[in-house]
Every structure is written in structure tokens, then in C-alpha cells.
């Protein structure tokens, strides 16, 4: 029979155990923080996709009749009660042609106003519209 020596059954010291627990704690906290950030980013990206769909629906409705297109207006998004839309129009000249840039923003109005979507349309003004503006 062979006797095994004491150094083969060496135990961990208390300091080594505490250091291992500390390293494990740091790793677990890092994983938890990364998971939280990932969930928040996933939530925000899905809300933004929904907001662009809502903006597309609004623009499709307005595009059928350009007289309905609100140049500087705001309102509530029909499919989401806590979302608001806002339009701002700025005039510009693109390659010697008068145009308007219409910016549509979809905002989430909870505790703080978060911009979820931003769409810009370039509307070229026709000659008769330019004459009406000059009058």
C-alpha cells in the first residue's frame, strides 16, 4: 500500500477563497449590467421600429391629399395614445428650385420627451405655389 503525502491534499487558504469570490462577483455584476443594457437597447429599438411604422402610416394618409399635409402642426399618433407627432417646415432652394423640407417627428411623451422617429420630406414647389407665396 502506498501512502499519499500531505502536499497532494493541500487545501485553499482563506485569502484564496475570498479572492475567488471577489473575482466571481465582478464577473457576475458585469454580466448583469451588460444584460440590462441589452434589454434596454432592444426595447428602444423595437419602439423605434414601431414609431417609423406609425410615421409611414401618417405620411401615407397625408400623401393621398397634399392639402391635408400639416406644414407646422402637431397631434396624437392614432395607434399610440402616449406618442405625439410634430411637423416643422423650412424653406430652401435645391439646385435653383424652391422647395420645402417637411420634418415629421414622433415623440414619446412619458416622463420625458423621447424622439423615436424623424423623417424628412423634400417637397418641390410648383410655379403656381411660388406665385401664391409672393402675393
C-alpha atoms as a PDB file:
ATOM      1  CA  UNK A   1       0.000   0.000   0.000  1.00  0.00           C
ATOM      2  CA  UNK A   2       1.217   3.327  -0.918  1.00  0.00           C
ATOM      3  CA  UNK A   3       0.708   6.314   1.372  1.00  0.00           C
ATOM      4  CA  UNK A   4      -0.005   9.637  -0.226  1.00  0.00           C
ATOM      5  CA  UNK A   5       1.880  12.556   1.123  1.00  0.00           C
ATOM      6  CA  UNK A   6       0.239  15.572   2.726  1.00  0.00           C
ATOM      7  CA  UNK A   7       1.162  18.068  -0.047  1.00  0.00           C
ATOM      8  CA  UNK A   8      -1.170  16.297  -2.519  1.00  0.00           C
ATOM      9  CA  UNK A   9      -4.177  17.188  -0.357  1.00  0.00           C
ATOM     10  CA  UNK A  10      -3.288  20.818   0.032  1.00  0.00           C
ATOM     11  CA  UNK A  11      -6.350  22.973   0.883  1.00  0.00           C
ATOM     12  CA  UNK A  12      -7.096  26.534  -0.218  1.00  0.00           C
ATOM     13  CA  UNK A  13      -6.339  29.308   2.191  1.00  0.00           C
ATOM     14  CA  UNK A  14      -8.990  31.779   3.283  1.00  0.00           C
ATOM     15  CA  UNK A  15      -7.384  34.567   1.249  1.00  0.00           C
ATOM     16  CA  UNK A  16      -7.547  32.487  -1.933  1.00  0.00           C
ATOM     17  CA  UNK A  17     -11.220  31.709  -1.305  1.00  0.00           C
ATOM     18  CA  UNK A  18     -12.055  35.399  -0.749  1.00  0.00           C
ATOM     19  CA  UNK A  19     -10.130  36.424  -3.889  1.00  0.00           C
ATOM     20  CA  UNK A  20     -12.019  33.808  -5.921  1.00  0.00           C
ATOM     21  CA  UNK A  21     -15.370  35.015  -4.600  1.00  0.00           C
ATOM     22  CA  UNK A  22     -14.429  38.631  -5.401  1.00  0.00           C
ATOM     23  CA  UNK A  23     -13.462  37.718  -8.982  1.00  0.00           C
ATOM     24  CA  UNK A  24     -16.686  35.748  -9.387  1.00  0.00           C
ATOM     25  CA  UNK A  25     -18.676  38.725  -8.052  1.00  0.00           C
ATOM     26  CA  UNK A  26     -17.055  41.105 -10.539  1.00  0.00           C
ATOM     27  CA  UNK A  27     -17.848  38.747 -13.409  1.00  0.00           C
ATOM     28  CA  UNK A  28     -21.482  38.323 -12.307  1.00  0.00           C
ATOM     29  CA  UNK A  29     -22.012  42.082 -11.899  1.00  0.00           C
ATOM     30  CA  UNK A  30     -20.528  42.703 -15.358  1.00  0.00           C
ATOM     31  CA  UNK A  31     -22.838  40.128 -16.895  1.00  0.00           C
ATOM     32  CA  UNK A  32     -25.866  41.617 -15.121  1.00  0.00           C
ATOM     33  CA  UNK A  33     -25.014  45.148 -16.295  1.00  0.00           C
ATOM     34  CA  UNK A  34     -24.480  44.008 -19.891  1.00  0.00           C
ATOM     35  CA  UNK A  35     -27.789  42.125 -19.861  1.00  0.00           C
ATOM     36  CA  UNK A  36     -29.615  45.204 -18.555  1.00  0.00           C
ATOM     37  CA  UNK A  37     -28.133  47.410 -21.267  1.00  0.00           C
ATOM     38  CA  UNK A  38     -29.002  44.835 -23.924  1.00  0.00           C
ATOM     39  CA  UNK A  39     -32.632  44.652 -22.773  1.00  0.00           C
ATOM     40  CA  UNK A  40     -32.962  48.456 -22.722  1.00  0.00           C
ATOM     41  CA  UNK A  41     -31.431  48.768 -26.195  1.00  0.00           C
ATOM     42  CA  UNK A  42     -33.694  46.016 -27.522  1.00  0.00           C
ATOM     43  CA  UNK A  43     -36.765  47.752 -26.056  1.00  0.00           C
ATOM     44  CA  UNK A  44     -35.803  51.130 -27.530  1.00  0.00           C
ATOM     45  CA  UNK A  45     -35.053  49.679 -30.956  1.00  0.00           C
ATOM     46  CA  UNK A  46     -38.413  47.893 -31.100  1.00  0.00           C
ATOM     47  CA  UNK A  47     -40.163  51.144 -30.083  1.00  0.00           C
ATOM     48  CA  UNK A  48     -38.296  52.999 -32.839  1.00  0.00           C
ATOM     49  CA  UNK A  49     -39.343  50.442 -35.441  1.00  0.00           C
ATOM     50  CA  UNK A  50     -42.956  50.890 -34.304  1.00  0.00           C
ATOM     51  CA  UNK A  51     -42.544  54.672 -34.475  1.00  0.00           C
ATOM     52  CA  UNK A  52     -41.270  54.552 -38.062  1.00  0.00           C
ATOM     53  CA  UNK A  53     -44.236  52.348 -38.988  1.00  0.00           C
ATOM     54  CA  UNK A  54     -46.581  54.888 -37.401  1.00  0.00           C
ATOM     55  CA  UNK A  55     -44.813  57.714 -39.275  1.00  0.00           C
ATOM     56  CA  UNK A  56     -45.206  55.766 -42.507  1.00  0.00           C
ATOM     57  CA  UNK A  57     -48.935  55.348 -41.860  1.00  0.00           C
ATOM     58  CA  UNK A  58     -49.341  59.068 -41.117  1.00  0.00           C
ATOM     59  CA  UNK A  59     -47.435  60.088 -44.239  1.00  0.00           C
ATOM     60  CA  UNK A  60     -49.377  57.618 -46.393  1.00  0.00           C
ATOM     61  CA  UNK A  61     -52.631  59.169 -45.207  1.00  0.00           C
ATOM     62  CA  UNK A  62     -51.415  62.702 -45.765  1.00  0.00           C
ATOM     63  CA  UNK A  63     -49.759  61.911 -49.099  1.00  0.00           C
ATOM     64  CA  UNK A  64     -53.062  60.916 -50.702  1.00  0.00           C
ATOM     65  CA  UNK A  65     -54.194  64.546 -50.334  1.00  0.00           C
ATOM     66  CA  UNK A  66     -51.331  67.045 -50.069  1.00  0.00           C
ATOM     67  CA  UNK A  67     -53.751  69.703 -48.819  1.00  0.00           C
ATOM     68  CA  UNK A  68     -54.108  67.622 -45.627  1.00  0.00           C
ATOM     69  CA  UNK A  69     -50.335  67.612 -45.121  1.00  0.00           C
ATOM     70  CA  UNK A  70     -49.811  69.673 -41.946  1.00  0.00           C
ATOM     71  CA  UNK A  71     -46.985  72.104 -42.636  1.00  0.00           C
ATOM     72  CA  UNK A  72     -46.418  73.153 -39.000  1.00  0.00           C
ATOM     73  CA  UNK A  73     -48.620  71.098 -36.749  1.00  0.00           C
ATOM     74  CA  UNK A  74     -48.836  68.514 -34.027  1.00  0.00           C
ATOM     75  CA  UNK A  75     -51.170  65.835 -32.786  1.00  0.00           C
ATOM     76  CA  UNK A  76     -51.523  62.424 -31.213  1.00  0.00           C
ATOM     77  CA  UNK A  77     -50.467  59.304 -33.118  1.00  0.00           C
ATOM     78  CA  UNK A  78     -53.728  57.347 -33.655  1.00  0.00           C
ATOM     79  CA  UNK A  79     -52.317  53.925 -32.776  1.00  0.00           C
ATOM     80  CA  UNK A  80     -50.452  55.058 -29.609  1.00  0.00           C
ATOM     81  CA  UNK A  81     -52.004  57.373 -27.036  1.00  0.00           C
ATOM     82  CA  UNK A  82     -48.736  58.445 -25.414  1.00  0.00           C
ATOM     83  CA  UNK A  83     -46.993  59.234 -28.726  1.00  0.00           C
ATOM     84  CA  UNK A  84     -47.231  62.625 -30.370  1.00  0.00           C
ATOM     85  CA  UNK A  85     -46.275  63.767 -33.845  1.00  0.00           C
ATOM     86  CA  UNK A  86     -44.919  67.173 -34.768  1.00  0.00           C
ATOM     87  CA  UNK A  87     -44.175  68.668 -38.182  1.00  0.00           C
ATOM     88  CA  UNK A  88     -41.885  71.580 -38.943  1.00  0.00           C
ATOM     89  CA  UNK A  89     -41.460  73.129 -42.388  1.00  0.00           C
ATOM     90  CA  UNK A  90     -38.393  75.004 -43.574  1.00  0.00           C
ATOM     91  CA  UNK A  91     -37.995  76.600 -46.982  1.00  0.00           C
ATOM     92  CA  UNK A  92     -34.870  76.068 -49.049  1.00  0.00           C
ATOM     93  CA  UNK A  93     -33.523  76.173 -52.588  1.00  0.00           C
ATOM     94  CA  UNK A  94     -32.221  72.949 -54.139  1.00  0.00           C
ATOM     95  CA  UNK A  95     -30.434  73.351 -57.482  1.00  0.00           C
ATOM     96  CA  UNK A  96     -32.240  76.645 -58.218  1.00  0.00           C
ATOM     97  CA  UNK A  97     -35.655  75.138 -57.430  1.00  0.00           C
ATOM     98  CA  UNK A  98     -37.688  76.361 -54.472  1.00  0.00           C
ATOM     99  CA  UNK A  99     -38.595  73.588 -52.069  1.00  0.00           C
ATOM    100  CA  UNK A 100     -39.876  72.923 -48.602  1.00  0.00           C
ATOM    101  CA  UNK A 101     -38.347  70.434 -46.200  1.00  0.00           C
ATOM    102  CA  UNK A 102     -41.030  68.932 -44.006  1.00  0.00           C
ATOM    103  CA  UNK A 103     -39.723  67.232 -40.872  1.00  0.00           C
ATOM    104  CA  UNK A 104     -42.013  64.756 -39.123  1.00  0.00           C
ATOM    105  CA  UNK A 105     -41.044  63.738 -35.592  1.00  0.00           C
ATOM    106  CA  UNK A 106     -42.653  61.009 -33.498  1.00  0.00           C
ATOM    107  CA  UNK A 107     -42.212  61.700 -29.786  1.00  0.00           C
ATOM    108  CA  UNK A 108     -42.896  59.527 -26.763  1.00  0.00           C
ATOM    109  CA  UNK A 109     -44.361  61.717 -24.062  1.00  0.00           C
ATOM    110  CA  UNK A 110     -43.964  59.791 -20.830  1.00  0.00           C
ATOM    111  CA  UNK A 111     -41.891  61.272 -18.033  1.00  0.00           C
ATOM    112  CA  UNK A 112     -39.503  62.862 -20.517  1.00  0.00           C
ATOM    113  CA  UNK A 113     -39.939  63.583 -24.215  1.00  0.00           C
ATOM    114  CA  UNK A 114     -38.036  60.976 -26.242  1.00  0.00           C
ATOM    115  CA  UNK A 115     -37.676  61.364 -30.007  1.00  0.00           C
ATOM    116  CA  UNK A 116     -38.407  57.956 -31.507  1.00  0.00           C
ATOM    117  CA  UNK A 117     -38.526  58.762 -35.227  1.00  0.00           C
ATOM    118  CA  UNK A 118     -37.507  61.612 -37.501  1.00  0.00           C
ATOM    119  CA  UNK A 119     -38.496  61.662 -41.188  1.00  0.00           C
ATOM    120  CA  UNK A 120     -37.741  64.458 -43.642  1.00  0.00           C
ATOM    121  CA  UNK A 121     -39.603  65.032 -46.909  1.00  0.00           C
ATOM    122  CA  UNK A 122     -38.461  67.343 -49.669  1.00  0.00           C
ATOM    123  CA  UNK A 123     -41.441  68.950 -51.381  1.00  0.00           C
ATOM    124  CA  UNK A 124     -40.648  70.836 -54.574  1.00  0.00           C
ATOM    125  CA  UNK A 125     -42.857  73.885 -55.039  1.00  0.00           C
ATOM    126  CA  UNK A 126     -44.605  74.284 -58.337  1.00  0.00           C
ATOM    127  CA  UNK A 127     -44.611  77.616 -60.162  1.00  0.00           C
ATOM    128  CA  UNK A 128     -48.207  78.473 -59.171  1.00  0.00           C
ATOM    129  CA  UNK A 129     -47.425  77.777 -55.487  1.00  0.00           C
ATOM    130  CA  UNK A 130     -44.400  80.098 -55.709  1.00  0.00           C
ATOM    131  CA  UNK A 131     -46.589  82.850 -57.186  1.00  0.00           C
ATOM    132  CA  UNK A 132     -49.158  82.428 -54.376  1.00  0.00           C
ATOM    133  CA  UNK A 133     -46.425  82.793 -51.757  1.00  0.00           C
ATOM    134  CA  UNK A 134     -45.153  86.007 -53.334  1.00  0.00           C
ATOM    135  CA  UNK A 135     -48.610  87.632 -53.127  1.00  0.00           C
END
